[in-house]
N, C-alpha and C. Protein backbone atom coordinates (compact mmCIF):
# COMPACT_ATOMS: atom_id res chain seq x y z
N MET A 1 102.62 98.34 174.26
CA MET A 1 101.82 97.81 175.34
C MET A 1 101.10 96.54 174.87
N THR A 2 101.13 95.52 175.68
CA THR A 2 100.41 94.30 175.38
C THR A 2 98.95 94.48 175.77
N ILE A 3 98.05 94.12 174.87
CA ILE A 3 96.62 94.22 175.17
C ILE A 3 96.22 93.02 176.02
N THR A 4 95.51 93.29 177.10
CA THR A 4 94.99 92.22 177.96
C THR A 4 93.50 92.43 178.18
N LEU A 5 92.80 91.37 178.42
CA LEU A 5 91.39 91.47 178.80
C LEU A 5 91.36 91.84 180.27
N ASN A 6 90.70 92.94 180.61
CA ASN A 6 90.69 93.47 181.97
C ASN A 6 89.55 92.89 182.80
N HIS A 7 88.35 92.84 182.23
CA HIS A 7 87.20 92.27 182.93
C HIS A 7 86.13 91.90 181.92
N THR A 8 85.24 91.03 182.35
CA THR A 8 84.06 90.72 181.55
C THR A 8 82.89 90.55 182.51
N ILE A 9 81.71 90.84 182.01
CA ILE A 9 80.51 90.74 182.83
C ILE A 9 79.93 89.35 182.69
N VAL A 10 79.61 88.74 183.81
CA VAL A 10 78.97 87.43 183.84
C VAL A 10 77.53 87.63 184.27
N PRO A 11 76.58 87.53 183.33
CA PRO A 11 75.18 87.67 183.72
C PRO A 11 74.72 86.43 184.50
N CYS A 12 73.93 86.64 185.53
CA CYS A 12 73.50 85.52 186.35
C CYS A 12 72.19 85.86 187.06
N PHE A 13 71.56 84.83 187.60
CA PHE A 13 70.30 85.03 188.33
C PHE A 13 70.55 85.59 189.72
N ASP A 14 71.65 85.18 190.35
CA ASP A 14 71.99 85.64 191.70
C ASP A 14 73.48 85.92 191.73
N LYS A 15 73.85 87.21 191.62
CA LYS A 15 75.26 87.57 191.49
C LYS A 15 76.08 87.18 192.71
N GLN A 16 75.52 87.27 193.89
CA GLN A 16 76.25 86.93 195.10
C GLN A 16 76.56 85.44 195.14
N ALA A 17 75.54 84.60 194.93
CA ALA A 17 75.73 83.14 194.96
C ALA A 17 76.68 82.70 193.85
N SER A 18 76.56 83.30 192.69
CA SER A 18 77.42 82.92 191.57
C SER A 18 78.88 83.28 191.84
N ALA A 19 79.13 84.48 192.33
CA ALA A 19 80.50 84.90 192.64
C ALA A 19 81.10 83.98 193.70
N GLU A 20 80.33 83.65 194.71
CA GLU A 20 80.83 82.77 195.77
C GLU A 20 81.14 81.38 195.24
N LEU A 21 80.30 80.85 194.34
CA LEU A 21 80.55 79.53 193.75
C LEU A 21 81.87 79.53 192.96
N TYR A 22 82.09 80.54 192.14
CA TYR A 22 83.32 80.61 191.34
C TYR A 22 84.54 80.69 192.26
N CYS A 23 84.42 81.43 193.34
CA CYS A 23 85.54 81.53 194.29
C CYS A 23 85.80 80.17 194.95
N ARG A 24 84.75 79.47 195.35
CA ARG A 24 84.93 78.14 195.95
C ARG A 24 85.54 77.16 194.97
N LEU A 25 85.03 77.13 193.74
CA LEU A 25 85.51 76.17 192.76
C LEU A 25 86.92 76.47 192.29
N PHE A 26 87.15 77.69 191.86
CA PHE A 26 88.41 78.05 191.20
C PHE A 26 89.46 78.63 192.13
N GLY A 27 89.05 79.03 193.32
CA GLY A 27 90.00 79.67 194.22
C GLY A 27 90.24 81.13 193.86
N PHE A 28 89.32 81.75 193.12
CA PHE A 28 89.45 83.15 192.75
C PHE A 28 89.30 84.02 194.00
N GLU A 29 89.84 85.24 193.91
CA GLU A 29 89.76 86.18 195.03
C GLU A 29 88.46 86.98 194.95
N TYR A 30 87.69 86.95 196.03
CA TYR A 30 86.45 87.71 196.12
C TYR A 30 86.79 89.15 196.48
N LEU A 31 86.46 90.10 195.59
CA LEU A 31 86.74 91.51 195.85
C LEU A 31 85.52 92.24 196.39
N GLY A 32 84.32 91.77 196.07
CA GLY A 32 83.11 92.39 196.61
C GLY A 32 82.43 93.32 195.64
N LYS A 33 81.62 94.19 196.22
CA LYS A 33 80.75 95.05 195.43
C LYS A 33 81.52 96.21 194.81
N PHE A 34 81.24 96.44 193.53
CA PHE A 34 81.72 97.61 192.81
C PHE A 34 80.57 98.06 191.92
N SER A 35 80.05 99.26 192.15
CA SER A 35 78.85 99.72 191.49
C SER A 35 77.75 98.70 191.80
N HIS A 36 77.11 98.14 190.79
CA HIS A 36 76.07 97.13 191.06
C HIS A 36 76.57 95.71 190.78
N PHE A 37 77.86 95.54 190.59
CA PHE A 37 78.46 94.24 190.31
C PHE A 37 79.04 93.63 191.59
N ILE A 38 79.25 92.32 191.55
CA ILE A 38 80.08 91.62 192.52
C ILE A 38 81.32 91.19 191.74
N VAL A 39 82.50 91.62 192.18
CA VAL A 39 83.74 91.44 191.42
C VAL A 39 84.59 90.33 192.03
N VAL A 40 85.10 89.49 191.15
CA VAL A 40 85.97 88.38 191.52
C VAL A 40 87.24 88.49 190.69
N ARG A 41 88.41 88.45 191.34
CA ARG A 41 89.67 88.55 190.62
C ARG A 41 90.12 87.16 190.19
N VAL A 42 90.35 86.99 188.88
CA VAL A 42 90.82 85.73 188.31
C VAL A 42 92.34 85.66 188.40
N ASN A 43 93.00 86.74 188.00
CA ASN A 43 94.47 86.83 188.04
C ASN A 43 94.86 88.30 188.07
N ASP A 44 96.12 88.60 187.84
CA ASP A 44 96.61 89.98 187.94
C ASP A 44 95.94 90.95 186.96
N THR A 45 95.42 90.45 185.86
CA THR A 45 94.87 91.35 184.84
C THR A 45 93.39 91.15 184.55
N LEU A 46 92.75 90.15 185.11
CA LEU A 46 91.37 89.85 184.73
C LEU A 46 90.47 89.70 185.95
N SER A 47 89.31 90.33 185.87
CA SER A 47 88.27 90.10 186.87
C SER A 47 86.97 89.71 186.16
N LEU A 48 86.13 88.99 186.89
CA LEU A 48 84.78 88.67 186.45
C LEU A 48 83.83 89.54 187.26
N ASP A 49 82.97 90.26 186.57
CA ASP A 49 82.01 91.14 187.22
C ASP A 49 80.63 90.51 187.10
N PHE A 50 80.12 89.97 188.19
CA PHE A 50 78.84 89.27 188.20
C PHE A 50 77.71 90.28 188.32
N ASP A 51 76.68 90.10 187.47
CA ASP A 51 75.56 91.03 187.40
C ASP A 51 74.26 90.26 187.35
N SER A 52 73.38 90.48 188.32
CA SER A 52 72.08 89.79 188.33
C SER A 52 71.19 90.33 187.22
N ARG A 53 70.60 89.39 186.51
CA ARG A 53 69.66 89.72 185.43
C ARG A 53 68.53 88.71 185.44
N GLU A 54 67.40 89.10 184.90
CA GLU A 54 66.26 88.17 184.83
C GLU A 54 66.38 87.25 183.63
N LYS A 55 66.90 87.78 182.51
CA LYS A 55 67.02 86.98 181.28
C LYS A 55 68.39 87.23 180.66
N PHE A 56 68.99 86.17 180.13
CA PHE A 56 70.26 86.28 179.43
C PHE A 56 70.53 84.96 178.72
N GLU A 57 71.41 85.00 177.74
CA GLU A 57 71.84 83.79 177.06
C GLU A 57 73.06 83.25 177.79
N PRO A 58 73.16 81.92 177.94
CA PRO A 58 74.34 81.35 178.60
C PRO A 58 75.60 81.59 177.77
N HIS A 59 76.71 81.77 178.45
CA HIS A 59 78.00 81.99 177.81
C HIS A 59 78.91 80.80 178.06
N HIS A 60 80.06 80.83 177.38
CA HIS A 60 81.09 79.81 177.57
C HIS A 60 82.34 80.49 178.10
N TYR A 61 82.88 79.98 179.20
CA TYR A 61 84.11 80.51 179.78
C TYR A 61 85.09 79.36 179.92
N ALA A 62 86.26 79.49 179.31
CA ALA A 62 87.29 78.44 179.37
C ALA A 62 88.48 78.95 180.15
N PHE A 63 88.95 78.12 181.08
CA PHE A 63 90.07 78.49 181.94
C PHE A 63 91.20 77.49 181.76
N LYS A 64 92.36 77.99 181.34
CA LYS A 64 93.54 77.13 181.24
C LYS A 64 94.18 77.07 182.62
N VAL A 65 94.45 75.85 183.08
CA VAL A 65 95.00 75.64 184.42
C VAL A 65 96.16 74.65 184.35
N SER A 66 96.95 74.63 185.40
CA SER A 66 98.04 73.66 185.49
C SER A 66 97.46 72.29 185.84
N GLU A 67 98.26 71.26 185.73
CA GLU A 67 97.82 69.91 186.10
C GLU A 67 97.39 69.87 187.57
N GLN A 68 98.18 70.50 188.44
CA GLN A 68 97.84 70.52 189.86
C GLN A 68 96.54 71.28 190.11
N GLU A 69 96.39 72.44 189.46
CA GLU A 69 95.15 73.21 189.61
C GLU A 69 93.96 72.41 189.09
N PHE A 70 94.15 71.67 187.99
CA PHE A 70 93.06 70.84 187.47
C PHE A 70 92.60 69.86 188.55
N ASP A 71 93.55 69.17 189.17
CA ASP A 71 93.21 68.20 190.21
C ASP A 71 92.45 68.86 191.35
N GLU A 72 92.92 70.02 191.79
CA GLU A 72 92.29 70.71 192.91
C GLU A 72 90.89 71.19 192.57
N ILE A 73 90.74 71.82 191.40
CA ILE A 73 89.43 72.34 190.99
C ILE A 73 88.47 71.19 190.71
N PHE A 74 88.96 70.14 190.07
CA PHE A 74 88.11 68.99 189.77
C PHE A 74 87.59 68.34 191.05
N ALA A 75 88.43 68.26 192.08
CA ALA A 75 87.99 67.71 193.37
C ALA A 75 86.89 68.58 193.98
N ARG A 76 87.04 69.90 193.87
CA ARG A 76 86.01 70.81 194.40
C ARG A 76 84.73 70.72 193.58
N LEU A 77 84.85 70.55 192.27
CA LEU A 77 83.70 70.36 191.38
C LEU A 77 82.91 69.13 191.81
N GLN A 78 83.62 68.04 192.07
CA GLN A 78 82.97 66.81 192.52
C GLN A 78 82.35 66.99 193.90
N ALA A 79 83.02 67.71 194.80
CA ALA A 79 82.47 67.95 196.14
C ALA A 79 81.19 68.77 196.08
N GLU A 80 81.08 69.66 195.08
CA GLU A 80 79.87 70.46 194.88
C GLU A 80 78.75 69.64 194.24
N LYS A 81 79.09 68.40 193.83
CA LYS A 81 78.14 67.49 193.19
C LYS A 81 77.57 68.07 191.88
N LEU A 82 78.42 68.77 191.14
CA LEU A 82 78.03 69.28 189.83
C LEU A 82 78.31 68.22 188.77
N LYS A 83 77.40 68.10 187.82
CA LYS A 83 77.62 67.17 186.72
C LYS A 83 78.67 67.76 185.80
N TYR A 84 79.47 66.88 185.19
CA TYR A 84 80.54 67.32 184.31
C TYR A 84 80.65 66.36 183.14
N GLY A 85 81.42 66.76 182.13
CA GLY A 85 81.57 65.90 180.97
C GLY A 85 82.82 66.22 180.16
N SER A 86 83.02 65.39 179.15
CA SER A 86 84.25 65.43 178.36
C SER A 86 84.20 66.39 177.17
N GLY A 87 83.05 66.97 176.89
CA GLY A 87 82.96 67.89 175.77
C GLY A 87 81.75 68.79 175.90
N PRO A 88 81.68 69.82 175.06
CA PRO A 88 80.57 70.77 175.18
C PRO A 88 79.20 70.13 174.91
N ALA A 89 79.17 69.13 174.05
CA ALA A 89 77.91 68.44 173.77
C ALA A 89 77.68 67.28 174.73
N GLU A 90 78.69 66.96 175.54
CA GLU A 90 78.59 65.86 176.51
C GLU A 90 78.98 66.39 177.89
N ALA A 91 78.35 67.48 178.29
CA ALA A 91 78.74 68.16 179.54
C ALA A 91 78.23 67.45 180.79
N GLU A 92 77.59 66.29 180.61
CA GLU A 92 77.10 65.56 181.78
C GLU A 92 77.40 64.06 181.70
N ASN A 93 78.38 63.65 180.89
CA ASN A 93 78.67 62.21 180.76
C ASN A 93 79.60 61.70 181.86
N MET A 94 79.96 62.58 182.80
CA MET A 94 80.79 62.25 183.97
C MET A 94 82.15 61.68 183.57
N MET A 95 82.71 62.20 182.48
CA MET A 95 84.05 61.82 182.01
C MET A 95 84.84 63.09 181.75
N ILE A 96 86.17 62.98 181.74
CA ILE A 96 87.02 64.08 181.31
C ILE A 96 87.63 63.70 179.97
N ASN A 97 88.25 64.67 179.29
CA ASN A 97 88.92 64.37 178.02
C ASN A 97 90.43 64.46 178.20
N HIS A 98 91.12 63.97 177.21
CA HIS A 98 92.59 64.00 177.20
C HIS A 98 93.08 64.61 175.88
N ASN A 99 92.38 65.65 175.44
CA ASN A 99 92.69 66.29 174.17
C ASN A 99 94.08 66.94 174.18
N TYR A 100 94.80 66.77 173.08
CA TYR A 100 96.10 67.40 172.85
C TYR A 100 97.12 67.05 173.93
N GLY A 101 96.98 65.87 174.52
CA GLY A 101 97.94 65.41 175.51
C GLY A 101 97.72 65.99 176.90
N GLY A 102 96.63 66.70 177.11
CA GLY A 102 96.32 67.28 178.42
C GLY A 102 95.03 66.69 178.96
N ARG A 103 94.40 67.43 179.83
CA ARG A 103 93.10 67.03 180.37
C ARG A 103 92.14 68.20 180.28
N GLY A 104 90.88 67.87 180.13
CA GLY A 104 89.85 68.90 180.06
C GLY A 104 88.53 68.38 180.59
N VAL A 105 87.70 69.31 181.03
CA VAL A 105 86.38 68.95 181.53
C VAL A 105 85.45 70.15 181.33
N TYR A 106 84.19 69.86 181.10
CA TYR A 106 83.15 70.87 180.92
C TYR A 106 82.09 70.67 181.99
N PHE A 107 81.48 71.77 182.43
CA PHE A 107 80.36 71.69 183.35
C PHE A 107 79.57 72.99 183.30
N ARG A 108 78.34 72.93 183.75
CA ARG A 108 77.48 74.11 183.75
C ARG A 108 77.34 74.65 185.16
N ASP A 109 77.38 75.97 185.26
CA ASP A 109 77.10 76.59 186.56
C ASP A 109 75.57 76.69 186.70
N PRO A 110 75.05 77.10 187.84
CA PRO A 110 73.60 77.17 188.03
C PRO A 110 72.88 78.14 187.10
N ASN A 111 73.62 79.00 186.41
CA ASN A 111 73.04 79.94 185.44
C ASN A 111 72.98 79.38 184.03
N GLY A 112 73.55 78.19 183.83
CA GLY A 112 73.58 77.58 182.51
C GLY A 112 74.84 77.89 181.73
N HIS A 113 75.75 78.70 182.28
CA HIS A 113 77.01 78.99 181.58
C HIS A 113 77.83 77.70 181.51
N LEU A 114 78.41 77.45 180.34
CA LEU A 114 79.26 76.28 180.14
C LEU A 114 80.69 76.66 180.50
N LEU A 115 81.22 76.05 181.54
CA LEU A 115 82.58 76.31 181.99
C LEU A 115 83.49 75.18 181.54
N GLU A 116 84.71 75.53 181.21
CA GLU A 116 85.68 74.55 180.72
C GLU A 116 87.00 74.73 181.45
N LEU A 117 87.58 73.62 181.86
CA LEU A 117 88.95 73.59 182.37
C LEU A 117 89.79 72.85 181.36
N LEU A 118 90.97 73.37 181.01
CA LEU A 118 91.87 72.67 180.11
C LEU A 118 93.30 72.89 180.57
N THR A 119 94.11 71.86 180.41
CA THR A 119 95.51 71.96 180.83
C THR A 119 96.46 72.21 179.67
N THR A 120 95.97 72.05 178.44
CA THR A 120 96.80 72.21 177.24
C THR A 120 96.02 73.03 176.22
N ASP A 121 96.70 73.95 175.56
CA ASP A 121 96.06 74.75 174.52
C ASP A 121 95.61 73.87 173.36
N TYR A 122 94.55 74.30 172.70
CA TYR A 122 94.11 73.63 171.48
C TYR A 122 95.19 73.79 170.42
N GLU A 123 95.33 72.79 169.58
CA GLU A 123 96.26 72.87 168.45
C GLU A 123 95.49 73.32 167.23
N MET A 124 95.81 74.52 166.79
CA MET A 124 95.12 75.10 165.64
C MET A 124 95.79 74.60 164.36
N PRO A 125 94.99 74.21 163.38
CA PRO A 125 95.59 73.77 162.11
C PRO A 125 96.25 74.94 161.39
N PRO A 126 97.33 74.68 160.64
CA PRO A 126 97.98 75.78 159.91
C PRO A 126 97.03 76.40 158.90
N GLN A 127 97.18 77.68 158.72
CA GLN A 127 96.31 78.41 157.77
C GLN A 127 96.94 78.47 156.41
């Protein structure tokens, strides 16, 4: 059996607003309430379970997308008027990167989570 990541919890200040934003930006499927979470389906094997909390540390979520998906999501990101940038330390320089022959962009959601879109996998140095 291949091991897959089934779900992860996304802590946020407002689980409903956060889940709706991710669905608008990424085109994820809104599944709704499950227990005290708001669940969003990313793909056939992964869901994001949004959970309202008063305090939490921001996380980093990276999504590999096709070139066409990048264009579509990037257009929605701009329509939402969210600041974006070319790297994790430059998440607001209003530029994208072209690392490893692809495209990438970073931006923060209203909870402070650093989100990343990339069209090409990172090239890991040989060990």
